[in-house]
Amino acid sequence: MTFWADHELIHLSISGARIKSVRSHLSSNDLAALAAAGGRPASPAPLPPTDPDGTALEIDRTVSRIGLVSLGGHAVLAAEILGGRRVSIRIEDATLMFFDPDTRELLRTRPNPLTYDQGPQAARSPPRRATTAARPPRRSTAEPDAATA
């Protein structure tokens, strides 16, 4: 198992295959501490290349409150933190990229369990890396909870 980390992303790989990518919360001091504790310099980021031939598909979905989207009759995990949020999904051969439909900011990547014939439209340019962390929706404490009222 290998972790690849920088200021923007953290990747988990097993036997050279990237399993998951998440936003990094690490500072320069954190990265220096990892290096001092025996971490080795990283190779280039293990993000998958985007499909240059334009065969990727894109669709829009709203993420359920438990973090799932429906794609081609399959319930696919996006991320619980994205619950209730409208996202665009770029479907590539091996990867699903979840991104903001307005800014095209990349929010999550996941392995692709689908085939190309399960998506409805041609893709635009690939999503860009996030510049800020996704924040979960806040609940108002001004209204009493139905269970406590």
N, C-alpha and C. Protein backbone atom coordinates (compact mmCIF):
# COMPACT_ATOMS: atom_id res chain seq x y z
N MET A 1 0.85 -1.16 0.00
CA MET A 1 0.00 0.00 0.00
C MET A 1 0.91 1.24 0.00
N THR A 2 0.60 2.19 -0.86
CA THR A 2 1.40 3.40 -0.98
C THR A 2 0.49 4.62 -0.93
N PHE A 3 0.90 5.62 -0.18
CA PHE A 3 0.22 6.91 -0.15
C PHE A 3 1.08 7.91 -0.90
N TRP A 4 0.47 8.66 -1.80
CA TRP A 4 1.13 9.75 -2.51
C TRP A 4 0.45 11.02 -2.04
N ALA A 5 1.23 12.00 -1.58
CA ALA A 5 0.62 13.21 -1.02
C ALA A 5 1.35 14.47 -1.46
N ASP A 6 0.60 15.52 -1.66
CA ASP A 6 1.15 16.86 -1.83
C ASP A 6 0.16 17.83 -1.20
N HIS A 7 0.27 19.12 -1.49
CA HIS A 7 -0.61 20.12 -0.89
C HIS A 7 -2.04 20.04 -1.41
N GLU A 8 -2.24 19.43 -2.58
CA GLU A 8 -3.55 19.42 -3.22
C GLU A 8 -4.30 18.10 -3.07
N LEU A 9 -3.60 16.96 -3.24
CA LEU A 9 -4.26 15.66 -3.26
C LEU A 9 -3.49 14.61 -2.48
N ILE A 10 -4.22 13.59 -2.01
CA ILE A 10 -3.62 12.40 -1.42
C ILE A 10 -4.20 11.21 -2.19
N HIS A 11 -3.32 10.32 -2.67
CA HIS A 11 -3.73 9.14 -3.42
C HIS A 11 -3.33 7.89 -2.65
N LEU A 12 -4.19 6.89 -2.67
CA LEU A 12 -3.90 5.57 -2.10
C LEU A 12 -3.77 4.60 -3.25
N SER A 13 -2.63 3.88 -3.30
CA SER A 13 -2.40 2.89 -4.35
C SER A 13 -2.03 1.56 -3.71
N ILE A 14 -2.46 0.48 -4.34
CA ILE A 14 -2.09 -0.85 -3.92
C ILE A 14 -1.54 -1.57 -5.14
N SER A 15 -0.31 -2.05 -5.03
CA SER A 15 0.38 -2.73 -6.14
C SER A 15 0.39 -1.87 -7.40
N GLY A 16 0.56 -0.58 -7.24
CA GLY A 16 0.65 0.33 -8.37
C GLY A 16 -0.67 0.80 -8.94
N ALA A 17 -1.79 0.24 -8.47
CA ALA A 17 -3.11 0.64 -8.96
C ALA A 17 -3.71 1.66 -8.00
N ARG A 18 -4.08 2.84 -8.51
CA ARG A 18 -4.67 3.87 -7.66
C ARG A 18 -6.07 3.44 -7.25
N ILE A 19 -6.31 3.44 -5.93
CA ILE A 19 -7.58 3.01 -5.38
C ILE A 19 -8.50 4.20 -5.11
N LYS A 20 -7.93 5.26 -4.53
CA LYS A 20 -8.76 6.40 -4.14
C LYS A 20 -7.91 7.66 -4.13
N SER A 21 -8.55 8.80 -4.42
CA SER A 21 -7.93 10.11 -4.34
C SER A 21 -8.84 11.03 -3.56
N VAL A 22 -8.26 11.80 -2.63
CA VAL A 22 -9.02 12.77 -1.84
C VAL A 22 -8.23 14.06 -1.77
N ARG A 23 -8.92 15.13 -1.40
CA ARG A 23 -8.26 16.41 -1.21
C ARG A 23 -7.29 16.34 -0.04
N SER A 24 -6.17 17.00 -0.19
CA SER A 24 -5.15 17.00 0.85
C SER A 24 -5.44 18.09 1.88
N HIS A 25 -5.19 17.76 3.12
CA HIS A 25 -5.26 18.73 4.22
C HIS A 25 -3.87 19.01 4.77
N LEU A 26 -2.84 18.49 4.08
CA LEU A 26 -1.47 18.57 4.57
C LEU A 26 -0.82 19.91 4.26
N SER A 27 -0.11 20.43 5.24
CA SER A 27 0.65 21.67 5.07
C SER A 27 2.08 21.32 4.68
N SER A 28 2.88 22.33 4.40
CA SER A 28 4.29 22.10 4.10
C SER A 28 4.99 21.44 5.29
N ASN A 29 4.63 21.86 6.50
CA ASN A 29 5.22 21.25 7.70
C ASN A 29 4.84 19.78 7.82
N ASP A 30 3.59 19.45 7.50
CA ASP A 30 3.15 18.05 7.55
C ASP A 30 3.93 17.20 6.56
N LEU A 31 4.11 17.72 5.34
CA LEU A 31 4.86 16.98 4.33
C LEU A 31 6.32 16.82 4.72
N ALA A 32 6.90 17.87 5.33
CA ALA A 32 8.28 17.78 5.81
C ALA A 32 8.41 16.74 6.92
N ALA A 33 7.42 16.68 7.80
CA ALA A 33 7.44 15.69 8.89
C ALA A 33 7.35 14.27 8.32
N LEU A 34 6.54 14.07 7.29
CA LEU A 34 6.45 12.76 6.65
C LEU A 34 7.79 12.37 6.03
N ALA A 35 8.45 13.32 5.37
CA ALA A 35 9.75 13.05 4.77
C ALA A 35 10.79 12.72 5.84
N ALA A 36 10.75 13.44 6.96
CA ALA A 36 11.70 13.20 8.05
C ALA A 36 11.46 11.84 8.72
N ALA A 37 10.23 11.36 8.66
CA ALA A 37 9.89 10.07 9.28
C ALA A 37 10.14 8.89 8.33
N GLY A 38 10.77 9.13 7.20
CA GLY A 38 11.12 8.04 6.30
C GLY A 38 10.38 8.03 4.98
N GLY A 39 9.52 9.03 4.74
CA GLY A 39 8.82 9.11 3.46
C GLY A 39 9.81 9.38 2.34
N ARG A 40 9.55 8.83 1.17
CA ARG A 40 10.45 9.05 0.05
C ARG A 40 9.83 10.04 -0.93
N PRO A 41 10.64 10.72 -1.73
CA PRO A 41 10.10 11.67 -2.70
C PRO A 41 9.13 10.97 -3.65
N ALA A 42 8.08 11.69 -4.00
CA ALA A 42 7.02 11.11 -4.82
C ALA A 42 7.34 11.20 -6.30
N SER A 43 6.82 10.25 -7.03
CA SER A 43 6.85 10.29 -8.49
C SER A 43 5.73 11.22 -8.94
N PRO A 44 5.53 11.40 -10.23
CA PRO A 44 4.39 12.22 -10.67
C PRO A 44 3.07 11.69 -10.11
N ALA A 45 2.09 12.56 -9.99
CA ALA A 45 0.79 12.19 -9.42
C ALA A 45 0.18 11.03 -10.20
N PRO A 46 -0.40 10.06 -9.48
CA PRO A 46 -0.97 8.89 -10.15
C PRO A 46 -2.39 9.08 -10.67
N LEU A 47 -2.75 10.31 -11.02
CA LEU A 47 -4.08 10.54 -11.61
C LEU A 47 -4.15 9.88 -12.97
N PRO A 48 -5.30 9.33 -13.32
CA PRO A 48 -5.41 8.70 -14.64
C PRO A 48 -5.40 9.76 -15.73
N PRO A 49 -4.86 9.43 -16.89
CA PRO A 49 -4.93 10.39 -17.99
C PRO A 49 -6.36 10.52 -18.49
N THR A 50 -6.69 11.70 -19.00
CA THR A 50 -8.03 11.87 -19.55
C THR A 50 -8.07 11.28 -20.96
N ASP A 51 -9.24 10.90 -21.41
CA ASP A 51 -9.38 10.31 -22.73
C ASP A 51 -9.16 11.38 -23.80
N PRO A 52 -8.08 11.30 -24.56
CA PRO A 52 -7.81 12.32 -25.57
C PRO A 52 -8.69 12.19 -26.81
N ASP A 53 -9.30 11.03 -27.03
CA ASP A 53 -10.06 10.82 -28.25
C ASP A 53 -11.52 11.24 -28.14
N GLY A 54 -11.92 11.82 -27.01
CA GLY A 54 -13.27 12.34 -26.85
C GLY A 54 -14.32 11.27 -26.63
N THR A 55 -13.92 10.07 -26.23
CA THR A 55 -14.90 9.00 -26.02
C THR A 55 -15.51 9.03 -24.62
N ALA A 56 -15.08 9.96 -23.78
CA ALA A 56 -15.67 10.08 -22.45
C ALA A 56 -17.10 10.60 -22.56
N LEU A 57 -17.91 10.28 -21.56
CA LEU A 57 -19.29 10.76 -21.50
C LEU A 57 -19.46 11.60 -20.24
N GLU A 58 -20.41 12.52 -20.26
CA GLU A 58 -20.70 13.32 -19.08
C GLU A 58 -22.20 13.35 -18.85
N ILE A 59 -22.58 13.25 -17.57
CA ILE A 59 -23.97 13.35 -17.17
C ILE A 59 -24.06 14.15 -15.89
N ASP A 60 -25.22 14.72 -15.62
CA ASP A 60 -25.47 15.46 -14.39
C ASP A 60 -26.39 14.65 -13.49
N ARG A 61 -26.09 14.66 -12.20
CA ARG A 61 -26.91 13.97 -11.21
C ARG A 61 -26.90 14.77 -9.91
N THR A 62 -27.91 14.51 -9.06
CA THR A 62 -27.91 15.03 -7.70
C THR A 62 -27.52 13.88 -6.79
N VAL A 63 -26.54 14.12 -5.93
CA VAL A 63 -26.05 13.10 -5.02
C VAL A 63 -27.06 12.91 -3.89
N SER A 64 -27.40 11.67 -3.58
CA SER A 64 -28.34 11.39 -2.48
C SER A 64 -27.71 11.79 -1.15
N ARG A 65 -28.52 11.86 -0.11
CA ARG A 65 -27.99 12.29 1.19
C ARG A 65 -26.98 11.31 1.76
N ILE A 66 -26.97 10.06 1.26
CA ILE A 66 -25.97 9.11 1.73
C ILE A 66 -24.80 8.98 0.76
N GLY A 67 -24.74 9.86 -0.25
CA GLY A 67 -23.58 9.94 -1.11
C GLY A 67 -23.61 9.10 -2.38
N LEU A 68 -24.79 8.62 -2.78
CA LEU A 68 -24.90 7.78 -3.97
C LEU A 68 -25.52 8.53 -5.14
N VAL A 69 -25.16 8.11 -6.36
CA VAL A 69 -25.83 8.57 -7.58
C VAL A 69 -26.25 7.34 -8.36
N SER A 70 -27.27 7.48 -9.18
CA SER A 70 -27.73 6.39 -10.02
C SER A 70 -27.16 6.58 -11.42
N LEU A 71 -26.41 5.56 -11.87
CA LEU A 71 -25.82 5.59 -13.21
C LEU A 71 -26.11 4.26 -13.90
N GLY A 72 -26.83 4.31 -15.00
CA GLY A 72 -27.08 3.10 -15.76
C GLY A 72 -27.71 1.98 -14.96
N GLY A 73 -28.59 2.33 -14.03
CA GLY A 73 -29.24 1.33 -13.20
C GLY A 73 -28.40 0.85 -12.03
N HIS A 74 -27.24 1.45 -11.83
CA HIS A 74 -26.36 1.09 -10.72
C HIS A 74 -26.33 2.23 -9.70
N ALA A 75 -26.32 1.90 -8.43
CA ALA A 75 -26.08 2.90 -7.39
C ALA A 75 -24.57 2.98 -7.20
N VAL A 76 -24.01 4.15 -7.49
CA VAL A 76 -22.56 4.34 -7.45
C VAL A 76 -22.21 5.34 -6.36
N LEU A 77 -21.21 5.01 -5.55
CA LEU A 77 -20.79 5.90 -4.48
C LEU A 77 -20.05 7.10 -5.06
N ALA A 78 -20.54 8.31 -4.74
CA ALA A 78 -19.82 9.54 -5.07
C ALA A 78 -19.03 9.92 -3.83
N ALA A 79 -19.71 10.46 -2.81
CA ALA A 79 -19.12 10.76 -1.51
C ALA A 79 -20.22 11.32 -0.63
N GLU A 80 -20.26 10.89 0.61
CA GLU A 80 -21.30 11.35 1.52
C GLU A 80 -21.25 12.86 1.71
N ILE A 81 -20.06 13.44 1.68
CA ILE A 81 -19.91 14.88 1.86
C ILE A 81 -20.57 15.67 0.73
N LEU A 82 -20.83 15.01 -0.41
CA LEU A 82 -21.48 15.67 -1.54
C LEU A 82 -23.00 15.52 -1.51
N GLY A 83 -23.55 14.91 -0.46
CA GLY A 83 -24.98 14.66 -0.35
C GLY A 83 -25.82 15.90 -0.60
N GLY A 84 -26.82 15.77 -1.48
CA GLY A 84 -27.71 16.88 -1.82
C GLY A 84 -27.17 17.83 -2.87
N ARG A 85 -25.95 17.65 -3.27
CA ARG A 85 -25.31 18.56 -4.22
C ARG A 85 -25.49 18.06 -5.66
N ARG A 86 -25.70 18.99 -6.57
CA ARG A 86 -25.76 18.68 -8.00
C ARG A 86 -24.34 18.55 -8.51
N VAL A 87 -24.01 17.45 -9.20
CA VAL A 87 -22.67 17.24 -9.73
C VAL A 87 -22.76 16.80 -11.19
N SER A 88 -21.69 17.01 -11.91
CA SER A 88 -21.52 16.42 -13.23
C SER A 88 -20.56 15.26 -13.05
N ILE A 89 -20.74 14.22 -13.85
CA ILE A 89 -19.91 13.04 -13.74
C ILE A 89 -19.32 12.75 -15.11
N ARG A 90 -18.01 12.73 -15.18
CA ARG A 90 -17.30 12.38 -16.42
C ARG A 90 -17.02 10.88 -16.35
N ILE A 91 -17.56 10.14 -17.31
CA ILE A 91 -17.41 8.69 -17.34
C ILE A 91 -16.33 8.36 -18.36
N GLU A 92 -15.18 7.89 -17.86
CA GLU A 92 -14.09 7.47 -18.72
C GLU A 92 -13.94 5.96 -18.61
N ASP A 93 -13.06 5.38 -19.39
CA ASP A 93 -12.91 3.94 -19.45
C ASP A 93 -12.73 3.31 -18.07
N ALA A 94 -11.85 3.85 -17.25
CA ALA A 94 -11.55 3.24 -15.95
C ALA A 94 -11.93 4.12 -14.77
N THR A 95 -12.39 5.34 -15.01
CA THR A 95 -12.57 6.31 -13.94
C THR A 95 -13.88 7.08 -14.06
N LEU A 96 -14.49 7.36 -12.90
CA LEU A 96 -15.60 8.31 -12.81
C LEU A 96 -15.06 9.54 -12.12
N MET A 97 -15.23 10.71 -12.72
CA MET A 97 -14.78 11.96 -12.14
C MET A 97 -16.01 12.78 -11.77
N PHE A 98 -16.18 13.08 -10.49
CA PHE A 98 -17.30 13.89 -10.00
C PHE A 98 -16.81 15.31 -9.87
N PHE A 99 -17.52 16.27 -10.51
CA PHE A 99 -17.07 17.65 -10.49
C PHE A 99 -18.25 18.60 -10.47
N ASP A 100 -17.97 19.85 -10.04
CA ASP A 100 -18.98 20.89 -9.99
C ASP A 100 -19.38 21.26 -11.42
N PRO A 101 -20.67 21.25 -11.75
CA PRO A 101 -21.07 21.53 -13.13
C PRO A 101 -20.83 22.98 -13.57
N ASP A 102 -20.78 23.92 -12.64
CA ASP A 102 -20.58 25.32 -13.00
C ASP A 102 -19.11 25.67 -13.16
N THR A 103 -18.28 25.25 -12.21
CA THR A 103 -16.86 25.62 -12.24
C THR A 103 -15.97 24.53 -12.82
N ARG A 104 -16.52 23.31 -12.98
CA ARG A 104 -15.78 22.13 -13.44
C ARG A 104 -14.63 21.78 -12.49
N GLU A 105 -14.81 22.12 -11.22
CA GLU A 105 -13.83 21.80 -10.18
C GLU A 105 -13.98 20.33 -9.78
N LEU A 106 -12.88 19.58 -9.85
CA LEU A 106 -12.90 18.16 -9.53
C LEU A 106 -13.16 17.96 -8.05
N LEU A 107 -14.16 17.14 -7.71
CA LEU A 107 -14.54 16.89 -6.32
C LEU A 107 -14.10 15.51 -5.84
N ARG A 108 -14.24 14.49 -6.67
CA ARG A 108 -13.89 13.11 -6.31
C ARG A 108 -13.59 12.30 -7.57
N THR A 109 -12.81 11.26 -7.42
CA THR A 109 -12.63 10.27 -8.48
C THR A 109 -12.92 8.89 -7.90
N ARG A 110 -13.45 8.02 -8.72
CA ARG A 110 -13.78 6.65 -8.32
C ARG A 110 -13.50 5.71 -9.49
N PRO A 111 -13.24 4.43 -9.21
CA PRO A 111 -13.14 3.45 -10.30
C PRO A 111 -14.48 3.36 -11.03
N ASN A 112 -14.44 3.09 -12.32
CA ASN A 112 -15.65 3.06 -13.14
C ASN A 112 -16.21 1.63 -13.25
N PRO A 113 -17.42 1.38 -12.71
CA PRO A 113 -18.04 0.06 -12.85
C PRO A 113 -18.91 -0.04 -14.11
N LEU A 114 -18.96 1.03 -14.92
CA LEU A 114 -19.90 1.11 -16.05
C LEU A 114 -19.20 0.92 -17.39
N THR A 115 -19.99 0.83 -18.46
CA THR A 115 -19.48 0.79 -19.82
C THR A 115 -19.89 2.09 -20.53
N TYR A 116 -19.27 2.40 -21.66
CA TYR A 116 -19.55 3.65 -22.36
C TYR A 116 -21.00 3.79 -22.82
N ASP A 117 -21.68 2.71 -23.13
CA ASP A 117 -23.05 2.83 -23.64
C ASP A 117 -24.06 3.20 -22.56
N GLN A 118 -23.61 3.43 -21.33
CA GLN A 118 -24.52 3.80 -20.25
C GLN A 118 -24.51 5.29 -19.95
N GLY A 119 -23.99 6.13 -20.83
CA GLY A 119 -23.97 7.57 -20.62
C GLY A 119 -24.57 8.31 -21.80
N PRO A 120 -25.21 9.50 -21.58
CA PRO A 120 -26.01 10.11 -22.63
C PRO A 120 -25.39 11.19 -23.50
N GLN A 121 -24.25 11.81 -23.15
CA GLN A 121 -23.80 12.95 -23.95
C GLN A 121 -22.29 12.96 -24.11
N ALA A 122 -21.82 13.64 -25.15
CA ALA A 122 -20.39 13.78 -25.38
C ALA A 122 -19.78 14.69 -24.32
N ALA A 123 -18.54 14.46 -23.97
CA ALA A 123 -17.87 15.21 -22.91
C ALA A 123 -17.26 16.51 -23.42
N ARG A 124 -17.13 17.46 -22.50
CA ARG A 124 -16.40 18.69 -22.77
C ARG A 124 -14.97 18.51 -22.27
N SER A 125 -14.25 19.60 -21.98
CA SER A 125 -12.89 19.49 -21.49
C SER A 125 -12.87 18.82 -20.12
N PRO A 126 -11.76 18.15 -19.74
CA PRO A 126 -11.68 17.47 -18.45
C PRO A 126 -11.84 18.43 -17.28
N PRO A 127 -12.34 17.95 -16.12
CA PRO A 127 -12.47 18.80 -14.95
C PRO A 127 -11.10 19.27 -14.45
N ARG A 128 -11.08 20.42 -13.79
CA ARG A 128 -9.83 20.94 -13.25
C ARG A 128 -9.73 20.58 -11.77
N ARG A 129 -8.52 20.63 -11.23
CA ARG A 129 -8.32 20.33 -9.81
C ARG A 129 -8.99 21.36 -8.93
N ALA A 130 -9.43 20.92 -7.76
CA ALA A 130 -10.09 21.81 -6.81
C ALA A 130 -9.11 22.80 -6.21
N THR A 131 -9.60 24.00 -5.92
CA THR A 131 -8.77 24.99 -5.25
C THR A 131 -9.18 25.17 -3.80
N THR A 132 -10.39 24.72 -3.45
CA THR A 132 -10.87 24.79 -2.07
C THR A 132 -11.52 23.46 -1.71
N ALA A 133 -11.59 23.18 -0.43
CA ALA A 133 -12.18 21.93 0.04
C ALA A 133 -13.71 22.00 -0.02
N ALA A 134 -14.33 20.86 -0.33
CA ALA A 134 -15.80 20.77 -0.29
C ALA A 134 -16.25 20.82 1.16
N ARG A 135 -17.30 21.56 1.41
CA ARG A 135 -17.81 21.68 2.77
C ARG A 135 -19.20 21.05 2.85
N PRO A 136 -19.46 20.28 3.91
CA PRO A 136 -20.79 19.70 4.05
C PRO A 136 -21.82 20.78 4.34
N PRO A 137 -23.10 20.56 3.96
CA PRO A 137 -24.12 21.56 4.26
C PRO A 137 -24.30 21.71 5.77
N ARG A 138 -24.54 22.92 6.21
CA ARG A 138 -24.72 23.20 7.64
C ARG A 138 -26.19 23.14 7.99
N ARG A 139 -26.50 22.64 9.16
CA ARG A 139 -27.87 22.62 9.66
C ARG A 139 -28.07 23.82 10.58
N SER A 140 -29.22 24.40 10.49
CA SER A 140 -29.55 25.52 11.36
C SER A 140 -29.90 24.99 12.74
N THR A 141 -29.34 25.61 13.77
CA THR A 141 -29.68 25.21 15.15
C THR A 141 -30.83 26.04 15.68
N ALA A 142 -31.32 26.97 14.87
CA ALA A 142 -32.41 27.86 15.34
C ALA A 142 -33.74 27.12 15.37
N GLU A 143 -33.92 26.13 14.51
CA GLU A 143 -35.17 25.37 14.46
C GLU A 143 -35.03 24.11 15.31
N PRO A 144 -36.01 23.84 16.19
CA PRO A 144 -35.91 22.64 17.02
C PRO A 144 -36.05 21.39 16.17
N ASP A 145 -35.35 20.35 16.56
CA ASP A 145 -35.43 19.06 15.89
C ASP A 145 -36.77 18.43 16.22
N ALA A 146 -37.39 17.78 15.25
CA ALA A 146 -38.71 17.17 15.46
C ALA A 146 -38.67 16.13 16.57
N ALA A 147 -37.54 15.47 16.75
CA ALA A 147 -37.44 14.44 17.79
C ALA A 147 -37.36 15.04 19.18
N THR A 148 -36.92 16.30 19.31
CA THR A 148 -36.79 16.91 20.63
C THR A 148 -37.92 17.88 20.95
N ALA A 149 -38.76 18.19 19.95
CA ALA A 149 -39.84 19.15 20.16
C ALA A 149 -41.01 18.53 20.84
